[in-house]
């Protein structure tokens, strides 16, 4: 369960202390109350009660799966941006644009996943250090890889996400969490499948200006 929210009295007290400190430092009027801190009001991995007709166990399981896919999707989006900057060769222009387009589409998925976690009463992951610990996608080298290696790395990441999303969607449906099922199938699986199609086509060794038939 979520941690207890601080009382209104304690919150007002903290505000008065901050205001007094600002006044002592010569700040008046519309000066922002800087340097504030407070307790964590909900721990990661917990769920708040949300009156959406799903018990806490179902929402907890969905949040865990969604956060896994969220971490992997953030990693995939970062891979796309990295390759967008580093791609080269005869297909530079096409792939430079394609990688950026796929990056933008993955960013939309990131937002949808995080919002679904919050809607279910959970806490969405997102900070780079947390994402790096949670993601199942292998971290790329710091240097520049050849284009076929870049594409193959992206395809492997897509497959990890698609497999995880399909499994999580089935589990969500079994728990009557059809909202999560719909998100995972309609947005995660289908978008990733389309991106795999576009990417894999660039690995076909096909003649450019004449038929290979003699």
N, C-alpha and C. Protein backbone atom coordinates (compact mmCIF):
# COMPACT_ATOMS: atom_id res chain seq x y z
N UNK A 1 0.85 -1.21 0.00
CA UNK A 1 0.00 0.00 0.00
C UNK A 1 0.88 1.25 0.00
N UNK A 2 0.34 2.36 -0.47
CA UNK A 2 1.09 3.61 -0.54
C UNK A 2 1.40 4.12 0.86
N UNK A 3 2.48 4.87 0.98
CA UNK A 3 2.82 5.45 2.26
C UNK A 3 1.83 6.55 2.62
N UNK A 4 1.78 6.88 3.91
CA UNK A 4 0.80 7.84 4.40
C UNK A 4 1.17 9.26 3.97
N UNK A 5 0.17 9.98 3.50
CA UNK A 5 0.38 11.37 3.09
C UNK A 5 0.54 12.26 4.31
N UNK A 6 1.52 13.19 4.30
CA UNK A 6 1.69 14.09 5.45
C UNK A 6 0.41 14.88 5.72
N UNK A 7 0.17 15.20 6.99
CA UNK A 7 -1.05 15.91 7.37
C UNK A 7 -1.00 17.34 6.85
N UNK A 8 -2.19 17.93 6.71
CA UNK A 8 -2.29 19.32 6.27
C UNK A 8 -1.59 20.25 7.26
N UNK A 9 -1.66 19.90 8.54
CA UNK A 9 -1.03 20.72 9.57
C UNK A 9 0.48 20.75 9.40
N UNK A 10 1.09 19.57 9.17
CA UNK A 10 2.54 19.52 9.01
C UNK A 10 2.98 20.20 7.73
N UNK A 11 2.16 20.09 6.68
CA UNK A 11 2.48 20.75 5.41
C UNK A 11 2.47 22.27 5.58
N UNK A 12 1.44 22.78 6.31
CA UNK A 12 1.37 24.22 6.57
C UNK A 12 2.55 24.68 7.40
N UNK A 13 2.94 23.82 8.36
CA UNK A 13 4.08 24.16 9.21
C UNK A 13 5.35 24.28 8.41
N UNK A 14 5.57 23.35 7.48
CA UNK A 14 6.76 23.40 6.64
C UNK A 14 6.74 24.64 5.76
N UNK A 15 5.56 25.01 5.28
CA UNK A 15 5.44 26.22 4.45
C UNK A 15 5.78 27.47 5.23
N UNK A 16 5.34 27.51 6.50
CA UNK A 16 5.62 28.68 7.33
C UNK A 16 7.11 28.80 7.62
N UNK A 17 7.77 27.65 7.81
CA UNK A 17 9.21 27.67 8.07
C UNK A 17 9.95 28.19 6.85
N UNK A 18 9.55 27.69 5.65
CA UNK A 18 10.18 28.14 4.40
C UNK A 18 9.96 29.64 4.20
N UNK A 19 8.74 30.11 4.49
CA UNK A 19 8.43 31.53 4.32
C UNK A 19 9.25 32.39 5.29
N UNK A 20 9.42 31.90 6.52
CA UNK A 20 10.20 32.63 7.52
C UNK A 20 11.66 32.72 7.10
N UNK A 21 12.19 31.61 6.58
CA UNK A 21 13.59 31.61 6.12
C UNK A 21 13.79 32.58 4.98
N UNK A 22 12.83 32.63 4.07
CA UNK A 22 12.92 33.57 2.95
C UNK A 22 12.87 35.01 3.44
N UNK A 23 12.01 35.24 4.43
CA UNK A 23 11.87 36.60 4.97
C UNK A 23 13.16 37.04 5.65
N UNK A 24 13.79 36.09 6.38
CA UNK A 24 15.04 36.40 7.07
C UNK A 24 16.16 36.69 6.08
N UNK A 25 16.06 36.12 4.90
CA UNK A 25 17.09 36.34 3.87
C UNK A 25 16.77 37.53 2.98
N UNK A 26 15.74 38.27 3.32
CA UNK A 26 15.42 39.48 2.59
C UNK A 26 14.54 39.28 1.37
N UNK A 27 13.90 38.11 1.24
CA UNK A 27 13.02 37.85 0.11
C UNK A 27 11.59 38.19 0.49
N UNK A 28 10.89 38.89 -0.38
CA UNK A 28 9.53 39.31 -0.09
C UNK A 28 8.64 39.12 -1.31
N UNK A 29 7.35 39.30 -1.13
CA UNK A 29 6.40 39.33 -2.24
C UNK A 29 6.33 38.02 -3.01
N UNK A 30 6.63 38.11 -4.31
CA UNK A 30 6.44 36.95 -5.17
C UNK A 30 7.69 36.08 -5.31
N UNK A 31 8.62 36.21 -4.38
CA UNK A 31 9.82 35.36 -4.39
C UNK A 31 9.44 33.90 -4.20
N UNK A 32 9.86 33.00 -5.12
CA UNK A 32 9.58 31.57 -4.94
C UNK A 32 10.19 31.04 -3.65
N UNK A 33 9.53 30.10 -3.02
CA UNK A 33 10.05 29.45 -1.81
C UNK A 33 11.00 28.36 -2.24
N UNK A 34 12.28 28.65 -2.27
CA UNK A 34 13.28 27.76 -2.83
C UNK A 34 13.82 26.77 -1.79
N UNK A 35 14.49 25.74 -2.29
CA UNK A 35 15.18 24.80 -1.41
C UNK A 35 14.28 23.90 -0.60
N UNK A 36 13.08 23.66 -1.08
CA UNK A 36 12.15 22.85 -0.31
C UNK A 36 12.40 21.36 -0.51
N UNK A 37 12.05 20.57 0.46
CA UNK A 37 12.10 19.12 0.38
C UNK A 37 10.97 18.55 1.21
N UNK A 38 10.66 17.31 0.99
CA UNK A 38 9.57 16.70 1.74
C UNK A 38 9.64 15.18 1.68
N UNK A 39 8.78 14.53 2.40
CA UNK A 39 8.79 13.06 2.42
C UNK A 39 8.26 12.49 1.12
N UNK A 40 8.65 11.26 0.82
CA UNK A 40 8.08 10.54 -0.31
C UNK A 40 6.64 10.17 0.06
N UNK A 41 5.69 10.56 -0.77
CA UNK A 41 4.29 10.31 -0.44
C UNK A 41 3.76 9.01 -1.04
N UNK A 42 4.53 8.38 -1.95
CA UNK A 42 4.19 7.04 -2.44
C UNK A 42 5.45 6.37 -2.92
N UNK A 43 5.73 5.19 -2.39
CA UNK A 43 6.92 4.45 -2.76
C UNK A 43 6.73 3.78 -4.12
N UNK A 44 7.83 3.65 -4.86
CA UNK A 44 7.81 2.90 -6.12
C UNK A 44 7.45 1.44 -5.83
N UNK A 45 6.62 0.86 -6.67
CA UNK A 45 6.20 -0.53 -6.48
C UNK A 45 4.91 -0.68 -5.71
N UNK A 46 4.34 0.43 -5.24
CA UNK A 46 3.07 0.38 -4.52
C UNK A 46 1.96 0.91 -5.42
N UNK A 47 0.73 0.65 -5.03
CA UNK A 47 -0.42 1.18 -5.77
C UNK A 47 -1.38 1.85 -4.79
N UNK A 48 -1.90 3.01 -5.20
CA UNK A 48 -2.95 3.68 -4.44
C UNK A 48 -4.29 3.05 -4.80
N UNK A 49 -5.28 3.29 -3.97
CA UNK A 49 -6.63 2.84 -4.32
C UNK A 49 -7.18 3.75 -5.40
N UNK A 50 -7.67 3.14 -6.47
CA UNK A 50 -8.33 3.87 -7.55
C UNK A 50 -9.66 3.18 -7.83
N UNK A 51 -10.78 3.90 -7.79
CA UNK A 51 -12.10 3.29 -7.96
C UNK A 51 -12.42 3.02 -9.43
N UNK A 52 -11.66 2.07 -10.02
CA UNK A 52 -11.88 1.76 -11.44
C UNK A 52 -12.33 0.30 -11.64
N UNK A 53 -12.77 -0.33 -10.56
CA UNK A 53 -13.33 -1.67 -10.68
C UNK A 53 -12.30 -2.77 -10.79
N UNK A 54 -11.05 -2.52 -10.39
CA UNK A 54 -10.00 -3.54 -10.40
C UNK A 54 -9.40 -3.63 -9.00
N UNK A 55 -9.19 -4.85 -8.52
CA UNK A 55 -8.61 -5.00 -7.19
C UNK A 55 -7.13 -4.65 -7.22
N UNK A 56 -6.55 -4.47 -6.04
CA UNK A 56 -5.17 -4.01 -5.94
C UNK A 56 -4.18 -5.01 -6.53
N UNK A 57 -4.49 -6.31 -6.43
CA UNK A 57 -3.58 -7.33 -6.97
C UNK A 57 -3.48 -7.22 -8.49
N UNK A 58 -4.62 -7.02 -9.15
CA UNK A 58 -4.62 -6.89 -10.60
C UNK A 58 -3.89 -5.63 -11.03
N UNK A 59 -4.13 -4.54 -10.33
CA UNK A 59 -3.48 -3.28 -10.68
C UNK A 59 -1.99 -3.34 -10.41
N UNK A 60 -1.61 -4.00 -9.32
CA UNK A 60 -0.19 -4.16 -8.98
C UNK A 60 0.54 -4.95 -10.06
N UNK A 61 -0.07 -6.05 -10.52
CA UNK A 61 0.55 -6.88 -11.55
C UNK A 61 0.68 -6.12 -12.87
N UNK A 62 -0.35 -5.39 -13.23
CA UNK A 62 -0.29 -4.62 -14.48
C UNK A 62 0.76 -3.53 -14.40
N UNK A 63 0.86 -2.85 -13.26
CA UNK A 63 1.85 -1.79 -13.11
C UNK A 63 3.27 -2.34 -13.23
N UNK A 64 3.48 -3.51 -12.67
CA UNK A 64 4.81 -4.12 -12.75
C UNK A 64 5.17 -4.43 -14.20
N UNK A 65 4.24 -5.02 -14.94
CA UNK A 65 4.48 -5.33 -16.35
C UNK A 65 4.66 -4.06 -17.18
N UNK A 66 3.81 -3.08 -16.93
CA UNK A 66 3.88 -1.82 -17.68
C UNK A 66 5.19 -1.10 -17.43
N UNK A 67 5.68 -1.12 -16.20
CA UNK A 67 6.95 -0.47 -15.91
C UNK A 67 8.12 -1.17 -16.59
N UNK A 68 8.04 -2.50 -16.70
CA UNK A 68 9.07 -3.23 -17.44
C UNK A 68 9.09 -2.80 -18.91
N UNK A 69 7.91 -2.77 -19.50
CA UNK A 69 7.81 -2.37 -20.91
C UNK A 69 8.17 -0.90 -21.08
N UNK A 70 7.83 -0.08 -20.10
CA UNK A 70 8.17 1.33 -20.13
C UNK A 70 9.69 1.51 -20.15
N UNK A 71 10.39 0.79 -19.28
CA UNK A 71 11.86 0.89 -19.23
C UNK A 71 12.48 0.43 -20.55
N UNK A 72 11.96 -0.65 -21.10
CA UNK A 72 12.48 -1.15 -22.38
C UNK A 72 12.18 -0.17 -23.52
N UNK A 73 11.02 0.45 -23.48
CA UNK A 73 10.64 1.40 -24.54
C UNK A 73 11.48 2.66 -24.46
N UNK A 74 11.76 3.14 -23.26
CA UNK A 74 12.65 4.30 -23.10
C UNK A 74 14.03 3.97 -23.66
N UNK A 75 14.51 2.76 -23.39
CA UNK A 75 15.81 2.33 -23.89
C UNK A 75 15.80 2.24 -25.41
N UNK A 76 14.74 1.68 -25.98
CA UNK A 76 14.62 1.59 -27.44
C UNK A 76 14.60 2.98 -28.07
N UNK A 77 13.84 3.89 -27.49
CA UNK A 77 13.80 5.25 -28.02
C UNK A 77 15.18 5.90 -28.01
N UNK A 78 15.93 5.67 -26.94
CA UNK A 78 17.29 6.20 -26.86
C UNK A 78 18.19 5.59 -27.92
N UNK A 79 18.01 4.29 -28.19
CA UNK A 79 18.77 3.64 -29.25
C UNK A 79 18.48 4.28 -30.60
N UNK A 80 17.22 4.55 -30.86
CA UNK A 80 16.85 5.20 -32.12
C UNK A 80 17.52 6.56 -32.24
N UNK A 81 17.55 7.33 -31.18
CA UNK A 81 18.15 8.66 -31.24
C UNK A 81 19.66 8.55 -31.45
N UNK A 82 20.28 7.61 -30.78
CA UNK A 82 21.72 7.39 -30.94
C UNK A 82 22.06 7.06 -32.39
N UNK A 83 21.31 6.13 -32.98
CA UNK A 83 21.57 5.73 -34.35
C UNK A 83 21.18 6.83 -35.34
N UNK A 84 20.18 7.62 -35.00
CA UNK A 84 19.80 8.77 -35.82
C UNK A 84 20.98 9.71 -35.98
N UNK A 85 21.73 9.93 -34.91
CA UNK A 85 22.88 10.82 -34.96
C UNK A 85 24.08 10.17 -35.66
N UNK A 86 24.21 8.85 -35.57
CA UNK A 86 25.44 8.19 -35.98
C UNK A 86 25.36 7.43 -37.30
N UNK A 87 24.15 7.29 -37.87
CA UNK A 87 24.02 6.52 -39.11
C UNK A 87 24.81 7.20 -40.23
N UNK A 88 25.31 6.39 -41.18
CA UNK A 88 26.09 6.92 -42.30
C UNK A 88 25.96 5.99 -43.49
N UNK A 89 26.58 6.36 -44.61
CA UNK A 89 26.57 5.50 -45.78
C UNK A 89 25.53 5.90 -46.81
N UNK A 90 25.32 5.01 -47.79
CA UNK A 90 24.45 5.32 -48.92
C UNK A 90 22.99 5.48 -48.53
N UNK A 91 22.58 4.86 -47.43
CA UNK A 91 21.19 4.98 -46.98
C UNK A 91 21.05 5.99 -45.84
N UNK A 92 22.04 6.87 -45.69
CA UNK A 92 22.03 7.82 -44.58
C UNK A 92 20.72 8.61 -44.51
N UNK A 93 20.35 9.24 -45.62
CA UNK A 93 19.20 10.14 -45.60
C UNK A 93 17.93 9.41 -45.19
N UNK A 94 17.67 8.24 -45.81
CA UNK A 94 16.45 7.49 -45.51
C UNK A 94 16.42 7.04 -44.05
N UNK A 95 17.54 6.48 -43.59
CA UNK A 95 17.57 5.95 -42.22
C UNK A 95 17.62 7.08 -41.19
N UNK A 96 18.29 8.17 -41.50
CA UNK A 96 18.33 9.31 -40.60
C UNK A 96 16.91 9.79 -40.29
N UNK A 97 16.08 9.87 -41.33
CA UNK A 97 14.69 10.29 -41.14
C UNK A 97 13.85 9.19 -40.49
N UNK A 98 14.05 7.95 -40.91
CA UNK A 98 13.27 6.83 -40.37
C UNK A 98 13.53 6.64 -38.88
N UNK A 99 14.79 6.68 -38.49
CA UNK A 99 15.12 6.51 -37.08
C UNK A 99 14.47 7.59 -36.23
N UNK A 100 14.45 8.82 -36.73
CA UNK A 100 13.85 9.91 -35.96
C UNK A 100 12.32 9.75 -35.90
N UNK A 101 11.72 9.29 -36.98
CA UNK A 101 10.27 9.05 -36.99
C UNK A 101 9.91 7.96 -35.98
N UNK A 102 10.67 6.88 -35.97
CA UNK A 102 10.42 5.80 -35.02
C UNK A 102 10.65 6.27 -33.58
N UNK A 103 11.64 7.11 -33.39
CA UNK A 103 11.90 7.67 -32.06
C UNK A 103 10.68 8.44 -31.55
N UNK A 104 10.12 9.28 -32.40
CA UNK A 104 8.95 10.08 -32.00
C UNK A 104 7.77 9.17 -31.68
N UNK A 105 7.58 8.12 -32.45
CA UNK A 105 6.48 7.17 -32.19
C UNK A 105 6.69 6.43 -30.88
N UNK A 106 7.93 6.08 -30.57
CA UNK A 106 8.22 5.42 -29.30
C UNK A 106 8.01 6.36 -28.13
N UNK A 107 8.28 7.63 -28.31
CA UNK A 107 8.05 8.62 -27.25
C UNK A 107 6.57 8.73 -26.90
N UNK A 108 5.72 8.59 -27.91
CA UNK A 108 4.27 8.59 -27.67
C UNK A 108 3.89 7.39 -26.81
N UNK A 109 4.49 6.24 -27.11
CA UNK A 109 4.21 5.03 -26.34
C UNK A 109 4.70 5.19 -24.90
N UNK A 110 5.87 5.79 -24.74
CA UNK A 110 6.42 6.03 -23.40
C UNK A 110 5.40 6.78 -22.55
N UNK A 111 4.86 7.85 -23.09
CA UNK A 111 3.90 8.67 -22.35
C UNK A 111 2.64 7.88 -22.03
N UNK A 112 2.16 7.09 -22.99
CA UNK A 112 0.94 6.30 -22.78
C UNK A 112 1.14 5.26 -21.69
N UNK A 113 2.30 4.61 -21.68
CA UNK A 113 2.59 3.59 -20.66
C UNK A 113 2.67 4.21 -19.27
N UNK A 114 3.38 5.34 -19.17
CA UNK A 114 3.54 6.00 -17.87
C UNK A 114 2.19 6.48 -17.33
N UNK A 115 1.36 7.00 -18.22
CA UNK A 115 0.04 7.47 -17.78
C UNK A 115 -0.84 6.31 -17.34
N UNK A 116 -0.71 5.17 -18.00
CA UNK A 116 -1.51 3.99 -17.61
C UNK A 116 -1.09 3.50 -16.22
N UNK A 117 0.20 3.50 -15.95
CA UNK A 117 0.68 3.12 -14.61
C UNK A 117 0.08 4.05 -13.56
N UNK A 118 0.11 5.33 -13.83
CA UNK A 118 -0.43 6.31 -12.87
C UNK A 118 -1.93 6.15 -12.70
N UNK A 119 -2.62 5.91 -13.81
CA UNK A 119 -4.07 5.71 -13.76
C UNK A 119 -4.44 4.51 -12.89
N UNK A 120 -3.60 3.49 -12.93
CA UNK A 120 -3.85 2.28 -12.13
C UNK A 120 -3.46 2.47 -10.66
N UNK A 121 -2.91 3.65 -10.34
CA UNK A 121 -2.54 3.94 -8.95
C UNK A 121 -1.09 3.66 -8.64
N UNK A 122 -0.29 3.33 -9.67
CA UNK A 122 1.11 3.01 -9.44
C UNK A 122 2.03 4.19 -9.64
N UNK A 123 3.32 3.90 -9.60
CA UNK A 123 4.36 4.91 -9.79
C UNK A 123 5.17 4.52 -11.02
N UNK A 124 5.21 5.38 -12.01
CA UNK A 124 5.92 5.08 -13.25
C UNK A 124 7.42 5.31 -13.08
N UNK A 125 8.22 4.39 -13.65
CA UNK A 125 9.66 4.58 -13.67
C UNK A 125 10.00 5.61 -14.74
N UNK A 126 11.26 6.03 -14.82
CA UNK A 126 11.58 7.02 -15.84
C UNK A 126 12.99 7.59 -15.77
N UNK A 127 13.58 7.66 -14.58
CA UNK A 127 14.91 8.22 -14.47
C UNK A 127 15.94 7.26 -15.09
N UNK A 128 16.97 7.80 -15.77
CA UNK A 128 17.91 6.95 -16.49
C UNK A 128 18.52 5.81 -15.67
N UNK A 129 18.92 6.09 -14.44
CA UNK A 129 19.54 5.04 -13.61
C UNK A 129 18.56 3.91 -13.32
N UNK A 130 17.30 4.26 -13.03
CA UNK A 130 16.28 3.25 -12.76
C UNK A 130 15.95 2.45 -14.00
N UNK A 131 15.87 3.15 -15.13
CA UNK A 131 15.57 2.49 -16.41
C UNK A 131 16.67 1.50 -16.77
N UNK A 132 17.93 1.90 -16.57
CA UNK A 132 19.06 1.04 -16.90
C UNK A 132 19.05 -0.24 -16.08
N UNK A 133 18.63 -0.16 -14.82
CA UNK A 133 18.56 -1.35 -13.98
C UNK A 133 17.44 -2.28 -14.40
N UNK A 134 16.33 -1.71 -14.86
CA UNK A 134 15.13 -2.49 -15.13
C UNK A 134 15.09 -3.06 -16.54
N UNK A 135 15.64 -2.35 -17.51
CA UNK A 135 15.49 -2.73 -18.91
C UNK A 135 16.19 -4.06 -19.22
N UNK A 136 15.55 -4.85 -20.07
CA UNK A 136 16.12 -6.11 -20.54
C UNK A 136 16.94 -5.94 -21.82
N UNK A 137 16.92 -4.74 -22.39
CA UNK A 137 17.61 -4.48 -23.65
C UNK A 137 19.08 -4.18 -23.39
N UNK A 138 19.94 -4.84 -24.13
CA UNK A 138 21.38 -4.68 -23.95
C UNK A 138 21.83 -3.26 -24.27
N UNK A 139 22.69 -2.72 -23.44
CA UNK A 139 23.21 -1.39 -23.67
C UNK A 139 24.21 -1.41 -24.83
N UNK A 140 24.11 -0.48 -25.78
CA UNK A 140 25.01 -0.48 -26.93
C UNK A 140 26.39 0.05 -26.56
N UNK A 141 27.39 -0.19 -27.40
CA UNK A 141 28.71 0.40 -27.14
C UNK A 141 28.66 1.91 -27.28
N UNK A 142 29.63 2.59 -26.69
CA UNK A 142 29.66 4.05 -26.77
C UNK A 142 29.99 4.53 -28.18
N UNK A 143 30.75 3.72 -28.92
CA UNK A 143 31.17 4.11 -30.26
C UNK A 143 30.10 3.89 -31.31
N UNK A 144 30.50 4.09 -32.57
CA UNK A 144 29.59 3.99 -33.70
C UNK A 144 29.66 2.58 -34.30
N UNK A 145 28.51 1.96 -34.49
CA UNK A 145 28.43 0.65 -35.13
C UNK A 145 28.08 0.82 -36.61
N UNK A 146 28.37 -0.21 -37.40
CA UNK A 146 27.96 -0.20 -38.79
C UNK A 146 26.44 -0.25 -38.89
N UNK A 147 25.90 0.25 -40.01
CA UNK A 147 24.46 0.34 -40.18
C UNK A 147 23.74 -1.00 -39.99
N UNK A 148 24.22 -2.11 -40.60
CA UNK A 148 23.53 -3.39 -40.38
C UNK A 148 23.49 -3.79 -38.91
N UNK A 149 24.55 -3.48 -38.17
CA UNK A 149 24.58 -3.79 -36.73
C UNK A 149 23.60 -2.91 -35.97
N UNK A 150 23.50 -1.64 -36.38
CA UNK A 150 22.54 -0.74 -35.74
C UNK A 150 21.11 -1.26 -35.91
N UNK A 151 20.79 -1.65 -37.14
CA UNK A 151 19.43 -2.13 -37.43
C UNK A 151 19.16 -3.44 -36.69
N UNK A 152 20.13 -4.33 -36.68
CA UNK A 152 19.95 -5.61 -35.99
C UNK A 152 19.74 -5.41 -34.50
N UNK A 153 20.45 -4.45 -33.93
CA UNK A 153 20.29 -4.15 -32.50
C UNK A 153 18.88 -3.63 -32.21
N UNK A 154 18.38 -2.77 -33.10
CA UNK A 154 17.03 -2.25 -32.95
C UNK A 154 15.99 -3.34 -33.07
N UNK A 155 16.18 -4.25 -34.04
CA UNK A 155 15.23 -5.35 -34.24
C UNK A 155 15.18 -6.27 -33.03
N UNK A 156 16.32 -6.52 -32.43
CA UNK A 156 16.36 -7.37 -31.23
C UNK A 156 15.61 -6.70 -30.08
N UNK A 157 15.77 -5.40 -29.95
CA UNK A 157 15.06 -4.65 -28.89
C UNK A 157 13.56 -4.69 -29.13
N UNK A 158 13.15 -4.51 -30.38
CA UNK A 158 11.72 -4.59 -30.71
C UNK A 158 11.14 -5.95 -30.33
N UNK A 159 11.87 -7.00 -30.63
CA UNK A 159 11.35 -8.35 -30.36
C UNK A 159 11.17 -8.57 -28.86
N UNK A 160 12.11 -8.07 -28.06
CA UNK A 160 11.98 -8.19 -26.61
C UNK A 160 10.70 -7.51 -26.13
N UNK A 161 10.47 -6.31 -26.62
CA UNK A 161 9.28 -5.55 -26.20
C UNK A 161 8.00 -6.24 -26.66
N UNK A 162 7.97 -6.69 -27.90
CA UNK A 162 6.76 -7.33 -28.43
C UNK A 162 6.41 -8.58 -27.64
N UNK A 163 7.40 -9.42 -27.36
CA UNK A 163 7.15 -10.64 -26.59
C UNK A 163 6.63 -10.32 -25.19
N UNK A 164 7.28 -9.37 -24.54
CA UNK A 164 6.86 -8.98 -23.18
C UNK A 164 5.46 -8.39 -23.19
N UNK A 165 5.17 -7.56 -24.19
CA UNK A 165 3.86 -6.89 -24.26
C UNK A 165 2.74 -7.89 -24.52
N UNK A 166 2.97 -8.86 -25.39
CA UNK A 166 1.94 -9.87 -25.66
C UNK A 166 1.63 -10.68 -24.41
N UNK A 167 2.67 -11.08 -23.69
CA UNK A 167 2.47 -11.85 -22.46
C UNK A 167 1.74 -11.02 -21.41
N UNK A 168 2.13 -9.76 -21.27
CA UNK A 168 1.50 -8.88 -20.29
C UNK A 168 0.05 -8.58 -20.67
N UNK A 169 -0.23 -8.46 -21.96
CA UNK A 169 -1.59 -8.19 -22.42
C UNK A 169 -2.51 -9.36 -22.09
N UNK A 170 -2.02 -10.57 -22.29
CA UNK A 170 -2.82 -11.76 -21.98
C UNK A 170 -3.11 -11.84 -20.48
N UNK A 171 -2.09 -11.55 -19.66
CA UNK A 171 -2.28 -11.58 -18.21
C UNK A 171 -3.27 -10.50 -17.76
N UNK A 172 -3.18 -9.33 -18.37
CA UNK A 172 -4.10 -8.25 -18.02
C UNK A 172 -5.53 -8.61 -18.38
N UNK A 173 -5.72 -9.25 -19.52
CA UNK A 173 -7.07 -9.66 -19.93
C UNK A 173 -7.63 -10.70 -18.97
N UNK A 174 -6.78 -11.63 -18.54
CA UNK A 174 -7.22 -12.65 -17.56
C UNK A 174 -7.66 -12.00 -16.25
N UNK A 175 -7.05 -10.87 -15.91
CA UNK A 175 -7.39 -10.15 -14.68
C UNK A 175 -8.49 -9.12 -14.90
N UNK A 176 -9.10 -9.14 -16.09
CA UNK A 176 -10.16 -8.22 -16.48
C UNK A 176 -9.68 -6.77 -16.58
N UNK A 177 -8.39 -6.58 -16.75
CA UNK A 177 -7.83 -5.24 -16.97
C UNK A 177 -7.74 -5.00 -18.47
N UNK A 178 -8.88 -4.79 -19.08
CA UNK A 178 -8.93 -4.68 -20.54
C UNK A 178 -8.34 -3.35 -21.03
N UNK A 179 -8.29 -2.35 -20.18
CA UNK A 179 -7.66 -1.10 -20.56
C UNK A 179 -6.17 -1.28 -20.83
N UNK A 180 -5.51 -2.04 -19.94
CA UNK A 180 -4.09 -2.33 -20.14
C UNK A 180 -3.90 -3.23 -21.35
N UNK A 181 -4.76 -4.23 -21.51
CA UNK A 181 -4.68 -5.11 -22.67
C UNK A 181 -4.78 -4.32 -23.96
N UNK A 182 -5.74 -3.40 -24.02
CA UNK A 182 -5.95 -2.60 -25.22
C UNK A 182 -4.74 -1.74 -25.53
N UNK A 183 -4.17 -1.10 -24.51
CA UNK A 183 -2.99 -0.27 -24.70
C UNK A 183 -1.82 -1.09 -25.25
N UNK A 184 -1.60 -2.25 -24.65
CA UNK A 184 -0.45 -3.05 -25.04
C UNK A 184 -0.57 -3.60 -26.46
N UNK A 185 -1.77 -4.02 -26.83
CA UNK A 185 -1.96 -4.58 -28.17
C UNK A 185 -2.07 -3.47 -29.22
N UNK A 186 -2.93 -2.49 -28.98
CA UNK A 186 -3.21 -1.47 -29.98
C UNK A 186 -2.06 -0.51 -30.20
N UNK A 187 -1.31 -0.19 -29.14
CA UNK A 187 -0.25 0.80 -29.28
C UNK A 187 1.15 0.20 -29.24
N UNK A 188 1.41 -0.67 -28.28
CA UNK A 188 2.77 -1.20 -28.15
C UNK A 188 3.06 -2.25 -29.22
N UNK A 189 2.26 -3.31 -29.25
CA UNK A 189 2.54 -4.41 -30.19
C UNK A 189 2.42 -3.95 -31.63
N UNK A 190 1.35 -3.29 -31.98
CA UNK A 190 1.12 -2.94 -33.38
C UNK A 190 2.14 -1.93 -33.90
N UNK A 191 2.46 -0.93 -33.11
CA UNK A 191 3.45 0.05 -33.56
C UNK A 191 4.82 -0.60 -33.70
N UNK A 192 5.19 -1.43 -32.74
CA UNK A 192 6.48 -2.11 -32.82
C UNK A 192 6.54 -3.07 -34.00
N UNK A 193 5.44 -3.75 -34.29
CA UNK A 193 5.42 -4.64 -35.45
C UNK A 193 5.64 -3.86 -36.74
N UNK A 194 4.99 -2.72 -36.88
CA UNK A 194 5.17 -1.90 -38.08
C UNK A 194 6.61 -1.41 -38.20
N UNK A 195 7.19 -1.02 -37.09
CA UNK A 195 8.57 -0.54 -37.12
C UNK A 195 9.54 -1.66 -37.48
N UNK A 196 9.27 -2.87 -37.02
CA UNK A 196 10.08 -4.03 -37.40
C UNK A 196 10.03 -4.25 -38.91
N UNK A 197 8.85 -4.12 -39.47
CA UNK A 197 8.67 -4.29 -40.92
C UNK A 197 9.54 -3.30 -41.69
N UNK A 198 9.48 -2.03 -41.31
CA UNK A 198 10.25 -1.00 -42.00
C UNK A 198 11.76 -1.21 -41.82
N UNK A 199 12.17 -1.57 -40.61
CA UNK A 199 13.59 -1.78 -40.35
C UNK A 199 14.14 -2.98 -41.11
N UNK A 200 13.45 -4.11 -41.00
CA UNK A 200 13.96 -5.35 -41.58
C UNK A 200 14.09 -5.25 -43.10
N UNK A 201 13.28 -4.42 -43.73
CA UNK A 201 13.37 -4.24 -45.19
C UNK A 201 14.70 -3.64 -45.61
N UNK A 202 15.36 -2.94 -44.71
CA UNK A 202 16.65 -2.34 -45.03
C UNK A 202 17.80 -3.34 -44.94
N UNK A 203 17.52 -4.55 -44.50
CA UNK A 203 18.55 -5.58 -44.43
C UNK A 203 18.46 -6.57 -45.59
N UNK A 204 17.54 -6.35 -46.51
CA UNK A 204 17.41 -7.23 -47.68
C UNK A 204 18.48 -6.87 -48.69
N UNK A 205 19.29 -7.85 -49.09
CA UNK A 205 20.36 -7.63 -50.05
C UNK A 205 19.79 -7.74 -51.46
N UNK A 206 19.21 -6.64 -51.92
CA UNK A 206 18.49 -6.64 -53.19
C UNK A 206 19.19 -5.69 -54.16
N UNK A 207 19.34 -6.07 -55.45
CA UNK A 207 19.98 -5.17 -56.42
C UNK A 207 19.21 -3.86 -56.53
N UNK A 208 19.97 -2.79 -56.75
CA UNK A 208 19.38 -1.45 -56.74
C UNK A 208 18.85 -1.02 -58.10
N UNK A 209 19.62 -1.29 -59.17
CA UNK A 209 19.24 -0.75 -60.48
C UNK A 209 19.04 -1.81 -61.56
N UNK A 210 19.26 -3.08 -61.25
CA UNK A 210 19.01 -4.13 -62.26
C UNK A 210 18.65 -5.43 -61.56
N UNK A 211 17.97 -6.31 -62.28
CA UNK A 211 17.56 -7.59 -61.73
C UNK A 211 18.77 -8.52 -61.60
N UNK A 212 18.74 -9.36 -60.60
CA UNK A 212 19.82 -10.32 -60.40
C UNK A 212 19.72 -11.50 -61.35
N UNK A 213 18.58 -11.62 -62.02
CA UNK A 213 18.37 -12.73 -62.95
C UNK A 213 19.19 -12.51 -64.21
N UNK A 214 19.88 -13.54 -64.68
CA UNK A 214 20.71 -13.46 -65.87
C UNK A 214 20.06 -14.20 -67.03
